[in-house]
Amino acid sequence: MPRMKIDDVDLKILATLQDHGRMTNVDLAEKVGITAPPCLRRVRGLEETGHIRGYHAELDPERLGFGITVIAMISLKSQTDVDLKAFEEMTHNWPLVRECYLLNGDVDFLLKIVARDLGEYQRFLTNHLTSAPGVGSIKTALMIRASKSAPGVPVELLSAMPEKAADEPTGEA
């Protein structure tokens, strides 16, 4: 993937698109203080370098009939790379699983599961999750409400960074 030095204008573009991904290039350019042609070039560069991975609409699950959200913490019987990858691949085939995170610690995976109702979730739990090969234990929590849901990263905390800091992890904790 090509590398790109990120400056303050790029950070403004990233922050603006993260909050308002559907705006036109002309509106984006005006918001960040540059003209439309260089803005479009910068956006395309940010896409090509992988800084922008995609554009998505934020949907309201309840308005679409998905009234249940469950967080599931999964521990596998084995943590070999093959078993971890096999479980990850399995989650790709489960539409109710919207997010899957491989973790370090007592729990191997954290899943965000949405369902229309408790019955649909229970059927998924029984027919898929608990019967999945290699699953050792499952702990679940029914989400009552989302107090905060901020997608992406806190771009506002960044300023123009050296190329390495913008593109690579530092390894520092």
Protein backbone atom coordinates (compact mmCIF):
# COMPACT_ATOMS: atom_id res chain seq x y z
CA MET A 1 0.00 0.00 0.00
CA PRO A 2 1.41 3.43 -0.88
CA ARG A 3 2.50 5.70 1.96
CA MET A 4 1.37 9.23 2.47
CA LYS A 5 2.43 12.00 4.81
CA ILE A 6 -0.59 13.29 6.70
CA ASP A 7 -0.91 17.03 7.29
CA ASP A 8 -3.49 19.19 9.09
CA VAL A 9 -5.68 19.50 5.98
CA ASP A 10 -5.76 15.71 5.61
CA LEU A 11 -6.72 15.40 9.28
CA LYS A 12 -9.56 17.89 8.75
CA ILE A 13 -10.71 15.87 5.75
CA LEU A 14 -10.60 12.63 7.75
CA ALA A 15 -12.45 14.13 10.73
CA THR A 16 -15.11 15.69 8.52
CA LEU A 17 -15.69 12.55 6.46
CA GLN A 18 -15.78 10.40 9.58
CA ASP A 19 -18.59 12.59 10.95
CA HIS A 20 -20.35 13.40 7.66
CA GLY A 21 -19.39 10.78 5.06
CA ARG A 22 -22.16 11.69 2.65
CA MET A 23 -21.18 15.29 1.89
CA THR A 24 -20.18 16.38 -1.59
CA ASN A 25 -16.57 17.08 -2.47
CA VAL A 26 -17.43 20.78 -2.93
CA ASP A 27 -18.93 20.95 0.59
CA LEU A 28 -15.98 19.04 2.02
CA ALA A 29 -13.49 21.36 0.34
CA GLU A 30 -15.29 24.40 1.70
CA LYS A 31 -15.42 22.91 5.20
CA VAL A 32 -11.67 22.19 5.29
CA GLY A 33 -10.67 25.43 3.57
CA ILE A 34 -9.33 24.32 0.18
CA THR A 35 -10.71 24.22 -3.36
CA ALA A 36 -12.52 21.18 -4.76
CA PRO A 37 -9.85 19.74 -7.15
CA PRO A 38 -7.06 19.39 -4.54
CA CYS A 39 -9.61 18.18 -2.01
CA LEU A 40 -10.66 15.38 -4.34
CA ARG A 41 -7.00 14.46 -4.98
CA ARG A 42 -6.37 14.32 -1.23
CA VAL A 43 -9.45 12.17 -0.60
CA ARG A 44 -8.41 9.76 -3.36
CA GLY A 45 -4.90 9.63 -1.90
CA LEU A 46 -6.30 8.88 1.57
CA GLU A 47 -8.41 6.11 0.04
CA GLU A 48 -5.49 4.64 -1.92
CA THR A 49 -3.22 4.58 1.14
CA GLY A 50 -5.89 2.89 3.25
CA HIS A 51 -6.45 5.79 5.64
CA ILE A 52 -10.08 5.75 4.45
CA ARG A 53 -11.33 2.18 4.25
CA GLY A 54 -14.91 2.83 3.16
CA TYR A 55 -18.11 4.79 3.57
CA HIS A 56 -21.14 3.55 5.46
CA ALA A 57 -24.60 4.69 6.48
CA GLU A 58 -25.36 4.43 10.18
CA LEU A 59 -28.64 2.53 10.47
CA ASP A 60 -31.06 2.52 13.39
CA PRO A 61 -31.39 -1.16 14.40
CA GLU A 62 -34.64 -0.66 16.34
CA ARG A 63 -36.39 1.16 13.47
CA LEU A 64 -35.44 -1.80 11.27
CA GLY A 65 -36.83 -4.31 13.77
CA PHE A 66 -33.62 -5.40 15.53
CA GLY A 67 -34.55 -4.79 19.16
CA ILE A 68 -31.91 -6.96 20.84
CA THR A 69 -28.16 -6.34 21.00
CA VAL A 70 -25.98 -8.82 22.87
CA ILE A 71 -22.30 -8.70 23.71
CA ALA A 72 -20.87 -12.23 23.82
CA MET A 73 -17.48 -13.14 25.25
CA ILE A 74 -16.22 -16.39 23.78
CA SER A 75 -13.42 -18.57 25.08
CA LEU A 76 -12.18 -21.36 22.85
CA LYS A 77 -10.88 -24.72 24.05
CA SER A 78 -7.67 -24.13 22.07
CA GLN A 79 -5.91 -20.91 21.11
CA THR A 80 -3.86 -22.24 18.22
CA ASP A 81 -3.72 -19.96 15.21
CA VAL A 82 -5.69 -22.50 13.18
CA ASP A 83 -8.50 -22.65 15.76
CA LEU A 84 -8.65 -18.86 16.16
CA LYS A 85 -8.83 -18.33 12.40
CA ALA A 86 -11.45 -21.07 12.02
CA PHE A 87 -13.69 -19.38 14.58
CA GLU A 88 -13.19 -15.98 12.93
CA GLU A 89 -14.16 -17.45 9.56
CA MET A 90 -17.25 -19.03 11.09
CA THR A 91 -18.43 -15.63 12.36
CA HIS A 92 -18.31 -14.29 8.79
CA ASN A 93 -21.17 -16.67 7.94
CA TRP A 94 -23.40 -15.52 10.83
CA PRO A 95 -25.39 -12.43 9.76
CA LEU A 96 -26.48 -11.67 13.33
CA VAL A 97 -22.81 -11.21 14.33
CA ARG A 98 -22.06 -7.62 13.38
CA GLU A 99 -18.64 -7.26 15.00
CA CYS A 100 -15.99 -9.77 16.03
CA TYR A 101 -12.83 -8.92 17.93
CA LEU A 102 -9.94 -11.24 18.78
CA LEU A 103 -8.79 -10.40 22.30
CA ASN A 104 -5.79 -10.98 24.51
CA GLY A 105 -6.60 -12.24 28.00
CA ASP A 106 -9.15 -14.56 29.59
CA VAL A 107 -11.60 -14.19 26.70
CA ASP A 108 -10.64 -15.02 23.11
CA PHE A 109 -13.39 -13.18 21.19
CA LEU A 110 -15.90 -10.44 21.79
CA LEU A 111 -18.93 -10.49 19.50
CA LYS A 112 -21.63 -7.90 18.96
CA ILE A 113 -24.81 -9.72 18.01
CA VAL A 114 -28.09 -8.11 16.90
CA ALA A 115 -31.41 -9.92 16.68
CA ARG A 116 -35.04 -9.02 16.12
CA ASP A 117 -36.09 -10.43 19.46
CA LEU A 118 -34.97 -12.65 22.31
CA GLY A 119 -36.30 -15.78 20.55
CA GLU A 120 -34.17 -15.15 17.46
CA TYR A 121 -31.10 -14.55 19.62
CA GLN A 122 -31.80 -17.71 21.65
CA ARG A 123 -32.08 -19.78 18.45
CA PHE A 124 -28.76 -18.34 17.21
CA LEU A 125 -27.11 -19.06 20.56
CA THR A 126 -28.38 -22.64 20.65
CA ASN A 127 -28.07 -23.58 16.98
CA HIS A 128 -24.85 -21.82 16.08
CA LEU A 129 -22.76 -20.34 18.86
CA THR A 130 -22.89 -22.99 21.59
CA SER A 131 -22.60 -25.79 19.03
CA ALA A 132 -19.68 -24.22 17.14
CA PRO A 133 -16.56 -26.41 17.06
CA GLY A 134 -13.93 -25.41 19.60
CA VAL A 135 -16.11 -23.15 21.75
CA GLY A 136 -15.28 -23.71 25.41
CA SER A 137 -17.41 -21.11 27.16
CA ILE A 138 -19.73 -18.22 26.39
CA LYS A 139 -20.61 -15.28 28.61
CA THR A 140 -23.26 -12.89 27.36
CA ALA A 141 -24.67 -9.53 28.33
CA LEU A 142 -27.84 -8.04 26.93
CA MET A 143 -27.27 -4.41 26.01
CA ILE A 144 -29.79 -2.07 27.59
CA ARG A 145 -28.70 1.10 25.76
CA ALA A 146 -25.66 2.58 24.09
CA SER A 147 -24.44 5.48 26.21
CA LYS A 148 -21.77 6.32 23.65
CA SER A 149 -21.16 5.10 20.15
CA ALA A 150 -18.39 7.00 18.42
CA PRO A 151 -17.26 5.28 15.23
CA GLY A 152 -13.72 5.55 13.93
CA VAL A 153 -10.84 7.18 15.77
CA PRO A 154 -10.44 10.46 17.72
CA VAL A 155 -8.99 12.43 14.81
CA GLU A 156 -9.43 15.64 16.78
CA LEU A 157 -6.61 14.55 19.10
CA LEU A 158 -4.14 14.41 16.24
CA SER A 159 -2.15 17.21 14.69
CA ALA A 160 0.16 17.06 11.70
CA MET A 161 2.32 14.07 12.50
CA PRO A 162 5.60 12.80 11.16
CA GLU A 163 5.06 10.15 8.49
CA LYS A 164 6.01 7.23 10.75
CA ALA A 165 3.67 8.25 13.55
CA ALA A 166 0.75 8.63 11.16
CA ASP A 167 1.25 5.36 9.32
CA GLU A 168 2.82 2.91 11.77
CA PRO A 169 2.28 1.90 15.38
CA THR A 170 5.07 3.03 17.68
CA GLY A 171 5.06 -0.06 19.87
CA GLU A 172 4.76 2.14 22.96
CA ALA A 173 1.99 1.58 25.49
